[in-house]
């Protein structure tokens, strides 16, 4: 995942996420929270990498189970927000892997 963005359409010049492109991260995503990694291989979530990214650095999930990546931001009731991100599925290793990507706002 790379180039994430959340902006209020009334002021699209203001990015509401911190480190939305993972450029300020080294091995784990700075300002982002990862949870449910207990179902992942070795009990760890993904990592920050510089290969197969849209630009610079990106987050690569290495979880065979369910893993969540999130961040909080302030929002105003009644405003409209644009939420965008770049996602690429890169198959690592053999076998067939069923993968589902969910994007949500809680």
Protein backbone atom coordinates (compact mmCIF):
# COMPACT_ATOMS: atom_id res chain seq x y z
CA UNK A 1 0.00 0.00 0.00
CA UNK A 2 1.28 3.45 -0.86
CA UNK A 3 0.20 7.04 -1.45
CA UNK A 4 -2.68 7.05 1.03
CA UNK A 5 -4.64 10.25 1.43
CA UNK A 6 -7.59 11.67 3.34
CA UNK A 7 -8.61 15.24 2.54
CA UNK A 8 -11.68 17.33 3.32
CA UNK A 9 -13.11 18.46 -0.04
CA UNK A 10 -13.71 21.93 1.44
CA UNK A 11 -9.92 22.29 1.92
CA UNK A 12 -8.17 19.70 -0.23
CA UNK A 13 -4.75 21.29 0.33
CA UNK A 14 -4.67 19.90 3.90
CA UNK A 15 -3.65 16.24 4.25
CA UNK A 16 -5.33 14.73 7.33
CA UNK A 17 -3.01 11.71 7.61
CA UNK A 18 0.48 11.78 9.05
CA UNK A 19 3.13 10.07 6.94
CA UNK A 20 0.58 9.13 4.26
CA UNK A 21 3.21 7.87 1.81
CA UNK A 22 5.29 5.97 4.41
CA UNK A 23 8.34 8.06 3.44
CA UNK A 24 9.07 8.86 7.11
CA UNK A 25 9.27 5.18 8.05
CA UNK A 26 12.18 2.78 8.18
CA UNK A 27 11.04 -0.76 9.04
CA UNK A 28 7.59 -0.21 10.56
CA UNK A 29 5.01 2.41 9.55
CA UNK A 30 5.49 5.61 11.58
CA UNK A 31 2.20 7.21 12.79
CA UNK A 32 0.27 4.10 11.70
CA UNK A 33 -1.15 1.35 13.92
CA UNK A 34 -1.06 -2.32 12.95
CA UNK A 35 -3.24 -4.81 14.78
CA UNK A 36 -4.41 -8.44 14.61
CA UNK A 37 -0.90 -9.54 13.73
CA UNK A 38 -1.26 -12.64 15.93
CA UNK A 39 -2.73 -14.44 12.90
CA UNK A 40 0.30 -13.49 10.80
CA UNK A 41 3.34 -15.64 10.17
CA UNK A 42 5.68 -15.29 13.16
CA UNK A 43 3.07 -13.02 14.80
CA UNK A 44 4.36 -9.92 13.03
CA UNK A 45 2.68 -7.56 10.60
CA UNK A 46 4.05 -6.11 7.41
CA UNK A 47 7.12 -4.00 6.85
CA UNK A 48 8.23 -0.87 5.05
CA UNK A 49 9.95 -1.66 1.76
CA UNK A 50 11.27 0.23 -1.25
CA UNK A 51 10.48 -2.37 -3.92
CA UNK A 52 7.20 -2.76 -5.84
CA UNK A 53 6.07 0.64 -4.50
CA UNK A 54 4.17 3.36 -6.30
CA UNK A 55 6.89 5.77 -5.19
CA UNK A 56 9.66 5.77 -2.60
CA UNK A 57 8.67 3.56 0.33
CA UNK A 58 5.46 1.61 0.90
CA UNK A 59 3.85 -0.81 3.35
CA UNK A 60 3.96 -4.50 2.45
CA UNK A 61 1.76 -6.90 4.34
CA UNK A 62 3.39 -10.24 5.04
CA UNK A 63 0.37 -11.65 6.82
CA UNK A 64 -1.40 -14.82 5.74
CA UNK A 65 -4.27 -13.98 8.09
CA UNK A 66 -6.20 -10.80 8.81
CA UNK A 67 -4.15 -7.68 9.42
CA UNK A 68 -5.32 -4.10 9.92
CA UNK A 69 -3.43 -0.89 9.25
CA UNK A 70 -5.00 2.32 10.48
CA UNK A 71 -4.61 5.88 11.61
CA UNK A 72 -6.87 8.36 13.38
CA UNK A 73 -7.67 11.85 12.13
CA UNK A 74 -10.14 14.59 12.99
CA UNK A 75 -13.26 14.93 10.87
CA UNK A 76 -16.24 17.27 10.81
CA UNK A 77 -19.81 15.93 10.63
CA UNK A 78 -21.43 16.88 7.33
CA UNK A 79 -18.16 17.37 5.42
CA UNK A 80 -17.21 15.23 2.44
CA UNK A 81 -13.81 13.52 2.42
CA UNK A 82 -11.78 12.00 -0.39
CA UNK A 83 -10.01 8.81 0.68
CA UNK A 84 -7.49 7.39 -1.80
CA UNK A 85 -4.63 4.91 -1.78
CA UNK A 86 -2.49 2.87 -4.13
CA UNK A 87 -2.52 -0.88 -3.67
CA UNK A 88 -0.70 -3.61 -5.56
CA UNK A 89 -0.89 -7.32 -4.94
CA UNK A 90 2.54 -8.89 -5.35
CA UNK A 91 2.65 -12.66 -5.02
CA UNK A 92 5.62 -13.80 -2.99
CA UNK A 93 6.37 -17.51 -3.07
CA UNK A 94 4.25 -20.31 -4.50
CA UNK A 95 0.72 -21.50 -3.95
CA UNK A 96 -2.68 -19.97 -4.41
CA UNK A 97 -3.59 -17.22 -1.99
CA UNK A 98 -7.08 -15.76 -1.76
CA UNK A 99 -6.79 -12.12 -0.78
CA UNK A 100 -9.41 -9.54 0.06
CA UNK A 101 -8.74 -5.85 0.66
CA UNK A 102 -11.16 -3.85 2.77
CA UNK A 103 -10.97 -0.08 3.17
CA UNK A 104 -13.15 1.48 5.81
CA UNK A 105 -13.71 4.45 8.05
CA UNK A 106 -14.76 3.79 11.61
